[in-house]
Amino acid sequence: TKAAIDAARIVVVSRCVDIIVEVPYSLYEPACRLAEDAGARVHDTDFAENVLITFRMLDGTQTPFLEKLTELTRGQSEIIATDPFDAAF
């Protein structure tokens, strides 16, 4: 229908990576600010004893973000970067 077509949006599929990190609650907001500044998006969060955050960003842009995230966590959090994959971004 015309309403469905009007409501549809274009989805761009890009080469992405997920960055997964577990941080204490006190670093959740600073980590999200770093991600936003780096062009990453929060893809998933799991609030438990600590916060497990999955950020999604364009492949090739992750190195500066990984460095800043390591600095923020003082190297105390394991940071996992996935292999590149195609996803809506």
PDB file of N, CA and C in Angstrom:
ATOM      1  N   THR A   1       0.836  -1.182   0.000  1.00  0.00           N
ATOM      2  CA  THR A   1       0.000   0.000   0.000  1.00  0.00           C
ATOM      3  C   THR A   1       0.877   1.240   0.000  1.00  0.00           C
ATOM      4  N   LYS A   2       0.276   2.355  -0.325  1.00  0.00           N
ATOM      5  CA  LYS A   2       1.020   3.612  -0.351  1.00  0.00           C
ATOM      6  C   LYS A   2       1.531   3.970   1.040  1.00  0.00           C
ATOM      7  N   ALA A   3       0.753   3.718   2.076  1.00  0.00           N
ATOM      8  CA  ALA A   3       1.185   4.028   3.446  1.00  0.00           C
ATOM      9  C   ALA A   3       2.429   3.228   3.811  1.00  0.00           C
ATOM     10  N   ALA A   4       2.460   1.967   3.414  1.00  0.00           N
ATOM     11  CA  ALA A   4       3.628   1.127   3.710  1.00  0.00           C
ATOM     12  C   ALA A   4       4.851   1.619   2.954  1.00  0.00           C
ATOM     13  N   ILE A   5       4.669   2.001   1.713  1.00  0.00           N
ATOM     14  CA  ILE A   5       5.786   2.519   0.915  1.00  0.00           C
ATOM     15  C   ILE A   5       6.291   3.825   1.507  1.00  0.00           C
ATOM     16  N   ASP A   6       5.378   4.699   1.910  1.00  0.00           N
ATOM     17  CA  ASP A   6       5.769   5.974   2.515  1.00  0.00           C
ATOM     18  C   ASP A   6       6.504   5.768   3.838  1.00  0.00           C
ATOM     19  N   ALA A   7       6.133   4.721   4.582  1.00  0.00           N
ATOM     20  CA  ALA A   7       6.748   4.462   5.887  1.00  0.00           C
ATOM     21  C   ALA A   7       8.080   3.729   5.764  1.00  0.00           C
ATOM     22  N   ALA A   8       8.334   3.137   4.602  1.00  0.00           N
ATOM     23  CA  ALA A   8       9.577   2.380   4.410  1.00  0.00           C
ATOM     24  C   ALA A   8      10.772   3.317   4.433  1.00  0.00           C
ATOM     25  N   ARG A   9      11.892   2.758   4.861  1.00  0.00           N
ATOM     26  CA  ARG A   9      13.114   3.560   4.857  1.00  0.00           C
ATOM     27  C   ARG A   9      14.207   2.762   4.168  1.00  0.00           C
ATOM     28  N   ILE A  10      15.168   3.461   3.642  1.00  0.00           N
ATOM     29  CA  ILE A  10      16.289   2.813   2.972  1.00  0.00           C
ATOM     30  C   ILE A  10      17.246   2.286   4.031  1.00  0.00           C
ATOM     31  N   VAL A  11      17.658   1.048   3.863  1.00  0.00           N
ATOM     32  CA  VAL A  11      18.620   0.436   4.774  1.00  0.00           C
ATOM     33  C   VAL A  11      19.924   0.257   4.011  1.00  0.00           C
ATOM     34  N   VAL A  12      20.998   0.761   4.571  1.00  0.00           N
ATOM     35  CA  VAL A  12      22.309   0.632   3.956  1.00  0.00           C
ATOM     36  C   VAL A  12      23.054  -0.495   4.655  1.00  0.00           C
ATOM     37  N   VAL A  13      23.527  -1.448   3.864  1.00  0.00           N
ATOM     38  CA  VAL A  13      24.320  -2.550   4.407  1.00  0.00           C
ATOM     39  C   VAL A  13      25.785  -2.200   4.196  1.00  0.00           C
ATOM     40  N   SER A  14      26.558  -2.257   5.278  1.00  0.00           N
ATOM     41  CA  SER A  14      27.967  -1.880   5.245  1.00  0.00           C
ATOM     42  C   SER A  14      28.813  -2.974   5.875  1.00  0.00           C
ATOM     43  N   ARG A  15      30.100  -2.916   5.634  1.00  0.00           N
ATOM     44  CA  ARG A  15      31.053  -3.833   6.276  1.00  0.00           C
ATOM     45  C   ARG A  15      31.281  -3.304   7.683  1.00  0.00           C
ATOM     46  N   CYS A  16      30.952  -4.094   8.692  1.00  0.00           N
ATOM     47  CA  CYS A  16      30.990  -3.658  10.087  1.00  0.00           C
ATOM     48  C   CYS A  16      31.822  -4.601  10.947  1.00  0.00           C
ATOM     49  N   VAL A  17      32.135  -4.138  12.139  1.00  0.00           N
ATOM     50  CA  VAL A  17      32.712  -4.973  13.192  1.00  0.00           C
ATOM     51  C   VAL A  17      31.951  -4.673  14.471  1.00  0.00           C
ATOM     52  N   ASP A  18      31.860  -5.669  15.330  1.00  0.00           N
ATOM     53  CA  ASP A  18      31.324  -5.459  16.668  1.00  0.00           C
ATOM     54  C   ASP A  18      32.493  -5.413  17.638  1.00  0.00           C
ATOM     55  N   ILE A  19      32.420  -4.494  18.580  1.00  0.00           N
ATOM     56  CA  ILE A  19      33.398  -4.365  19.652  1.00  0.00           C
ATOM     57  C   ILE A  19      32.658  -4.706  20.937  1.00  0.00           C
ATOM     58  N   ILE A  20      33.137  -5.715  21.640  1.00  0.00           N
ATOM     59  CA  ILE A  20      32.464  -6.199  22.845  1.00  0.00           C
ATOM     60  C   ILE A  20      33.380  -5.967  24.034  1.00  0.00           C
ATOM     61  N   VAL A  21      32.832  -5.327  25.064  1.00  0.00           N
ATOM     62  CA  VAL A  21      33.631  -5.018  26.255  1.00  0.00           C
ATOM     63  C   VAL A  21      32.730  -5.066  27.483  1.00  0.00           C
ATOM     64  N   GLU A  22      33.287  -5.522  28.586  1.00  0.00           N
ATOM     65  CA  GLU A  22      32.583  -5.519  29.871  1.00  0.00           C
ATOM     66  C   GLU A  22      33.235  -4.464  30.751  1.00  0.00           C
ATOM     67  N   VAL A  23      32.423  -3.538  31.242  1.00  0.00           N
ATOM     68  CA  VAL A  23      32.948  -2.440  32.061  1.00  0.00           C
ATOM     69  C   VAL A  23      32.127  -2.304  33.334  1.00  0.00           C
ATOM     70  N   PRO A  24      32.724  -1.702  34.376  1.00  0.00           N
ATOM     71  CA  PRO A  24      31.926  -1.387  35.564  1.00  0.00           C
ATOM     72  C   PRO A  24      30.913  -0.293  35.209  1.00  0.00           C
ATOM     73  N   TYR A  25      29.867  -0.211  36.003  1.00  0.00           N
ATOM     74  CA  TYR A  25      28.817   0.787  35.755  1.00  0.00           C
ATOM     75  C   TYR A  25      29.385   2.201  35.642  1.00  0.00           C
ATOM     76  N   SER A  26      30.423   2.497  36.401  1.00  0.00           N
ATOM     77  CA  SER A  26      30.997   3.851  36.391  1.00  0.00           C
ATOM     78  C   SER A  26      31.612   4.216  35.039  1.00  0.00           C
ATOM     79  N   LEU A  27      31.941   3.221  34.212  1.00  0.00           N
ATOM     80  CA  LEU A  27      32.537   3.497  32.901  1.00  0.00           C
ATOM     81  C   LEU A  27      31.548   3.346  31.748  1.00  0.00           C
ATOM     82  N   TYR A  28      30.309   3.001  32.059  1.00  0.00           N
ATOM     83  CA  TYR A  28      29.326   2.791  30.997  1.00  0.00           C
ATOM     84  C   TYR A  28      29.107   4.062  30.168  1.00  0.00           C
ATOM     85  N   GLU A  29      28.765   5.161  30.812  1.00  0.00           N
ATOM     86  CA  GLU A  29      28.511   6.415  30.077  1.00  0.00           C
ATOM     87  C   GLU A  29      29.765   6.921  29.362  1.00  0.00           C
ATOM     88  N   PRO A  30      30.935   6.950  30.028  1.00  0.00           N
ATOM     89  CA  PRO A  30      32.138   7.378  29.304  1.00  0.00           C
ATOM     90  C   PRO A  30      32.432   6.500  28.078  1.00  0.00           C
ATOM     91  N   ALA A  31      32.215   5.194  28.188  1.00  0.00           N
ATOM     92  CA  ALA A  31      32.451   4.299  27.052  1.00  0.00           C
ATOM     93  C   ALA A  31      31.481   4.608  25.916  1.00  0.00           C
ATOM     94  N   CYS A  32      30.234   4.880  26.254  1.00  0.00           N
ATOM     95  CA  CYS A  32      29.241   5.225  25.231  1.00  0.00           C
ATOM     96  C   CYS A  32      29.576   6.550  24.554  1.00  0.00           C
ATOM     97  N   ARG A  33      30.092   7.507  25.313  1.00  0.00           N
ATOM     98  CA  ARG A  33      30.505   8.790  24.716  1.00  0.00           C
ATOM     99  C   ARG A  33      31.675   8.583  23.757  1.00  0.00           C
ATOM    100  N   LEU A  34      32.656   7.771  24.160  1.00  0.00           N
ATOM    101  CA  LEU A  34      33.779   7.465  23.268  1.00  0.00           C
ATOM    102  C   LEU A  34      33.276   6.820  21.981  1.00  0.00           C
ATOM    103  N   ALA A  35      32.342   5.899  22.130  1.00  0.00           N
ATOM    104  CA  ALA A  35      31.791   5.204  20.966  1.00  0.00           C
ATOM    105  C   ALA A  35      31.102   6.184  20.025  1.00  0.00           C
ATOM    106  N   GLU A  36      30.286   7.043  20.578  1.00  0.00           N
ATOM    107  CA  GLU A  36      29.578   8.027  19.756  1.00  0.00           C
ATOM    108  C   GLU A  36      30.570   8.920  19.022  1.00  0.00           C
ATOM    109  N   ASP A  37      31.604   9.372  19.720  1.00  0.00           N
ATOM    110  CA  ASP A  37      32.628  10.216  19.098  1.00  0.00           C
ATOM    111  C   ASP A  37      33.356   9.490  17.970  1.00  0.00           C
ATOM    112  N   ALA A  38      33.451   8.154  18.081  1.00  0.00           N
ATOM    113  CA  ALA A  38      34.160   7.351  17.083  1.00  0.00           C
ATOM    114  C   ALA A  38      33.242   6.882  15.953  1.00  0.00           C
ATOM    115  N   GLY A  39      31.961   7.220  16.035  1.00  0.00           N
ATOM    116  CA  GLY A  39      31.024   6.812  14.999  1.00  0.00           C
ATOM    117  C   GLY A  39      30.421   5.439  15.227  1.00  0.00           C
ATOM    118  N   ALA A  40      30.627   4.878  16.413  1.00  0.00           N
ATOM    119  CA  ALA A  40      30.059   3.565  16.746  1.00  0.00           C
ATOM    120  C   ALA A  40      28.663   3.745  17.328  1.00  0.00           C
ATOM    121  N   ARG A  41      27.899   2.677  17.288  1.00  0.00           N
ATOM    122  CA  ARG A  41      26.554   2.667  17.864  1.00  0.00           C
ATOM    123  C   ARG A  41      26.465   1.553  18.892  1.00  0.00           C
ATOM    124  N   VAL A  42      25.701   1.783  19.933  1.00  0.00           N
ATOM    125  CA  VAL A  42      25.454   0.720  20.907  1.00  0.00           C
ATOM    126  C   VAL A  42      24.494  -0.268  20.250  1.00  0.00           C
ATOM    127  N   HIS A  43      24.943  -1.493  20.103  1.00  0.00           N
ATOM    128  CA  HIS A  43      24.124  -2.523  19.465  1.00  0.00           C
ATOM    129  C   HIS A  43      23.378  -3.360  20.505  1.00  0.00           C
ATOM    130  N   ASP A  44      24.027  -3.588  21.663  1.00  0.00           N
ATOM    131  CA  ASP A  44      23.403  -4.406  22.701  1.00  0.00           C
ATOM    132  C   ASP A  44      24.065  -4.095  24.037  1.00  0.00           C
ATOM    133  N   THR A  45      23.304  -4.217  25.107  1.00  0.00           N
ATOM    134  CA  THR A  45      23.852  -4.069  26.459  1.00  0.00           C
ATOM    135  C   THR A  45      23.239  -5.130  27.353  1.00  0.00           C
ATOM    136  N   ASP A  46      24.044  -5.594  28.293  1.00  0.00           N
ATOM    137  CA  ASP A  46      23.579  -6.550  29.297  1.00  0.00           C
ATOM    138  C   ASP A  46      24.021  -6.011  30.651  1.00  0.00           C
ATOM    139  N   PHE A  47      23.047  -5.551  31.428  1.00  0.00           N
ATOM    140  CA  PHE A  47      23.327  -4.981  32.739  1.00  0.00           C
ATOM    141  C   PHE A  47      23.275  -6.089  33.781  1.00  0.00           C
ATOM    142  N   ALA A  48      24.425  -6.448  34.307  1.00  0.00           N
ATOM    143  CA  ALA A  48      24.524  -7.470  35.355  1.00  0.00           C
ATOM    144  C   ALA A  48      25.439  -6.900  36.439  1.00  0.00           C
ATOM    145  N   GLU A  49      26.346  -7.708  36.958  1.00  0.00           N
ATOM    146  CA  GLU A  49      27.301  -7.195  37.950  1.00  0.00           C
ATOM    147  C   GLU A  49      28.113  -6.052  37.345  1.00  0.00           C
ATOM    148  N   ASN A  50      28.505  -6.216  36.087  1.00  0.00           N
ATOM    149  CA  ASN A  50      29.109  -5.169  35.272  1.00  0.00           C
ATOM    150  C   ASN A  50      28.211  -4.988  34.053  1.00  0.00           C
ATOM    151  N   VAL A  51      28.609  -4.116  33.151  1.00  0.00           N
ATOM    152  CA  VAL A  51      27.825  -3.891  31.938  1.00  0.00           C
ATOM    153  C   VAL A  51      28.591  -4.469  30.752  1.00  0.00           C
ATOM    154  N   LEU A  52      27.959  -5.381  30.038  1.00  0.00           N
ATOM    155  CA  LEU A  52      28.533  -5.942  28.819  1.00  0.00           C
ATOM    156  C   LEU A  52      27.941  -5.156  27.656  1.00  0.00           C
ATOM    157  N   ILE A  53      28.800  -4.467  26.923  1.00  0.00           N
ATOM    158  CA  ILE A  53      28.342  -3.595  25.837  1.00  0.00           C
ATOM    159  C   ILE A  53      28.856  -4.138  24.511  1.00  0.00           C
ATOM    160  N   THR A  54      27.980  -4.170  23.525  1.00  0.00           N
ATOM    161  CA  THR A  54      28.385  -4.479  22.161  1.00  0.00           C
ATOM    162  C   THR A  54      28.178  -3.222  21.334  1.00  0.00           C
ATOM    163  N   PHE A  55      29.284  -2.696  20.813  1.00  0.00           N
ATOM    164  CA  PHE A  55      29.244  -1.544  19.921  1.00  0.00           C
ATOM    165  C   PHE A  55      29.377  -2.053  18.493  1.00  0.00           C
ATOM    166  N   ARG A  56      28.712  -1.403  17.557  1.00  0.00           N
ATOM    167  CA  ARG A  56      28.866  -1.734  16.138  1.00  0.00           C
ATOM    168  C   ARG A  56      29.394  -0.499  15.431  1.00  0.00           C
ATOM    169  N   MET A  57      30.378  -0.727  14.572  1.00  0.00           N
ATOM    170  CA  MET A  57      30.958   0.388  13.830  1.00  0.00           C
ATOM    171  C   MET A  57      31.435  -0.092  12.462  1.00  0.00           C
ATOM    172  N   LEU A  58      31.725   0.851  11.601  1.00  0.00           N
ATOM    173  CA  LEU A  58      32.206   0.520  10.270  1.00  0.00           C
ATOM    174  C   LEU A  58      33.602  -0.077  10.360  1.00  0.00           C
ATOM    175  N   ASP A  59      33.829  -1.138   9.597  1.00  0.00           N
ATOM    176  CA  ASP A  59      35.145  -1.756   9.557  1.00  0.00           C
ATOM    177  C   ASP A  59      36.161  -0.742   9.027  1.00  0.00           C
ATOM    178  N   GLY A  60      37.325  -0.733   9.640  1.00  0.00           N
ATOM    179  CA  GLY A  60      38.382   0.189   9.240  1.00  0.00           C
ATOM    180  C   GLY A  60      38.445   1.437  10.101  1.00  0.00           C
ATOM    181  N   THR A  61      37.434   1.634  10.952  1.00  0.00           N
ATOM    182  CA  THR A  61      37.418   2.822  11.814  1.00  0.00           C
ATOM    183  C   THR A  61      37.651   2.467  13.275  1.00  0.00           C
ATOM    184  N   GLN A  62      37.895   1.191  13.569  1.00  0.00           N
ATOM    185  CA  GLN A  62      37.912   0.739  14.953  1.00  0.00           C
ATOM    186  C   GLN A  62      39.218   0.978  15.705  1.00  0.00           C
ATOM    187  N   THR A  63      40.348   1.108  15.031  1.00  0.00           N
ATOM    188  CA  THR A  63      41.633   1.189  15.739  1.00  0.00           C
ATOM    189  C   THR A  63      41.701   2.341  16.733  1.00  0.00           C
ATOM    190  N   PRO A  64      41.385   3.588  16.353  1.00  0.00           N
ATOM    191  CA  PRO A  64      41.439   4.669  17.352  1.00  0.00           C
ATOM    192  C   PRO A  64      40.468   4.446  18.516  1.00  0.00           C
ATOM    193  N   PHE A  65      39.282   3.896  18.217  1.00  0.00           N
ATOM    194  CA  PHE A  65      38.306   3.618  19.270  1.00  0.00           C
ATOM    195  C   PHE A  65      38.838   2.558  20.226  1.00  0.00           C
ATOM    196  N   LEU A  66      39.429   1.505  19.702  1.00  0.00           N
ATOM    197  CA  LEU A  66      39.991   0.449  20.549  1.00  0.00           C
ATOM    198  C   LEU A  66      41.079   1.005  21.460  1.00  0.00           C
ATOM    199  N   GLU A  67      41.911   1.891  20.922  1.00  0.00           N
ATOM    200  CA  GLU A  67      42.973   2.502  21.733  1.00  0.00           C
ATOM    201  C   GLU A  67      42.380   3.339  22.865  1.00  0.00           C
ATOM    202  N   LYS A  68      41.372   4.141  22.560  1.00  0.00           N
ATOM    203  CA  LYS A  68      40.749   4.991  23.582  1.00  0.00           C
ATOM    204  C   LYS A  68      39.985   4.165  24.611  1.00  0.00           C
ATOM    205  N   LEU A  69      39.344   3.089  24.165  1.00  0.00           N
ATOM    206  CA  LEU A  69      38.615   2.212  25.074  1.00  0.00           C
ATOM    207  C   LEU A  69      39.586   1.491  26.015  1.00  0.00           C
ATOM    208  N   THR A  70      40.723   1.069  25.491  1.00  0.00           N
ATOM    209  CA  THR A  70      41.757   0.441  26.324  1.00  0.00           C
ATOM    210  C   THR A  70      42.271   1.434  27.358  1.00  0.00           C
ATOM    211  N   GLU A  71      42.471   2.674  26.926  1.00  0.00           N
ATOM    212  CA  GLU A  71      42.924   3.727  27.847  1.00  0.00           C
ATOM    213  C   GLU A  71      41.878   3.986  28.930  1.00  0.00           C
ATOM    214  N   LEU A  72      40.607   4.061  28.534  1.00  0.00           N
ATOM    215  CA  LEU A  72      39.525   4.314  29.486  1.00  0.00           C
ATOM    216  C   LEU A  72      39.463   3.222  30.552  1.00  0.00           C
ATOM    217  N   THR A  73      39.620   1.977  30.126  1.00  0.00           N
ATOM    218  CA  THR A  73      39.523   0.850  31.063  1.00  0.00           C
ATOM    219  C   THR A  73      40.857   0.541  31.735  1.00  0.00           C
ATOM    220  N   ARG A  74      41.873   1.339  31.422  1.00  0.00           N
ATOM    221  CA  ARG A  74      43.227   1.145  31.961  1.00  0.00           C
ATOM    222  C   ARG A  74      43.737  -0.274  31.692  1.00  0.00           C
ATOM    223  N   GLY A  75      43.306  -0.833  30.572  1.00  0.00           N
ATOM    224  CA  GLY A  75      43.735  -2.167  30.184  1.00  0.00           C
ATOM    225  C   GLY A  75      43.166  -3.279  31.042  1.00  0.00           C
ATOM    226  N   GLN A  76      42.190  -2.966  31.892  1.00  0.00           N
ATOM    227  CA  GLN A  76      41.643  -3.949  32.827  1.00  0.00           C
ATOM    228  C   GLN A  76      40.482  -4.759  32.255  1.00  0.00           C
ATOM    229  N   SER A  77      39.957  -4.346  31.108  1.00  0.00           N
ATOM    230  CA  SER A  77      38.822  -5.052  30.501  1.00  0.00           C
ATOM    231  C   SER A  77      39.262  -5.710  29.204  1.00  0.00           C
ATOM    232  N   GLU A  78      38.836  -6.946  29.009  1.00  0.00           N
ATOM    233  CA  GLU A  78      39.086  -7.611  27.734  1.00  0.00           C
ATOM    234  C   GLU A  78      38.185  -6.961  26.692  1.00  0.00           C
ATOM    235  N   ILE A  79      38.771  -6.600  25.567  1.00  0.00           N
ATOM    236  CA  ILE A  79      38.021  -5.982  24.475  1.00  0.00           C
ATOM    237  C   ILE A  79      38.105  -6.926  23.282  1.00  0.00           C
ATOM    238  N   ILE A  80      36.954  -7.316  22.775  1.00  0.00           N
ATOM    239  CA  ILE A  80      36.896  -8.250  21.654  1.00  0.00           C
ATOM    240  C   ILE A  80      36.403  -7.503  20.424  1.00  0.00           C
ATOM    241  N   ALA A  81      37.154  -7.615  19.335  1.00  0.00           N
ATOM    242  CA  ALA A  81      36.732  -7.072  18.045  1.00  0.00           C
ATOM    243  C   ALA A  81      36.432  -8.257  17.131  1.00  0.00           C
ATOM    244  N   THR A  82      35.227  -8.309  16.605  1.00  0.00           N
ATOM    245  CA  THR A  82      34.846  -9.419  15.736  1.00  0.00           C
ATOM    246  C   THR A  82      35.492  -9.267  14.364  1.00  0.00           C
ATOM    247  N   ASP A  83      35.462 -10.335  13.605  1.00  0.00           N
ATOM    248  CA  ASP A  83      35.843 -10.252  12.203  1.00  0.00           C
ATOM    249  C   ASP A  83      34.797  -9.406  11.486  1.00  0.00           C
ATOM    250  N   PRO A  84      35.181  -8.732  10.409  1.00  0.00           N
ATOM    251  CA  PRO A  84      34.216  -7.913   9.665  1.00  0.00           C
ATOM    252  C   PRO A  84      33.069  -8.752   9.102  1.00  0.00           C
ATOM    253  N   PHE A  85      31.902  -8.138   9.030  1.00  0.00           N
ATOM    254  CA  PHE A  85      30.705  -8.786   8.488  1.00  0.00           C
ATOM    255  C   PHE A  85      29.810  -7.711   7.893  1.00  0.00           C
ATOM    256  N   ASP A  86      28.876  -8.124   7.061  1.00  0.00           N
ATOM    257  CA  ASP A  86      27.926  -7.196   6.451  1.00  0.00           C
ATOM    258  C   ASP A  86      26.705  -7.050   7.349  1.00  0.00           C
ATOM    259  N   ALA A  87      26.311  -5.793   7.604  1.00  0.00           N
ATOM    260  CA  ALA A  87      25.156  -5.525   8.462  1.00  0.00           C
ATOM    261  C   ALA A  87      24.588  -4.153   8.131  1.00  0.00           C
ATOM    262  N   ALA A  88      23.343  -3.950   8.512  1.00  0.00           N
ATOM    263  CA  ALA A  88      22.726  -2.628   8.370  1.00  0.00           C
ATOM    264  C   ALA A  88      23.429  -1.677   9.323  1.00  0.00           C
ATOM    265  N   PHE A  89      23.795  -0.513   8.815  1.00  0.00           N
ATOM    266  CA  PHE A  89      24.458   0.469   9.667  1.00  0.00           C
ATOM    267  C   PHE A  89      24.045   1.852   9.235  1.00  0.00           C
TER     268      PHE A  89
END
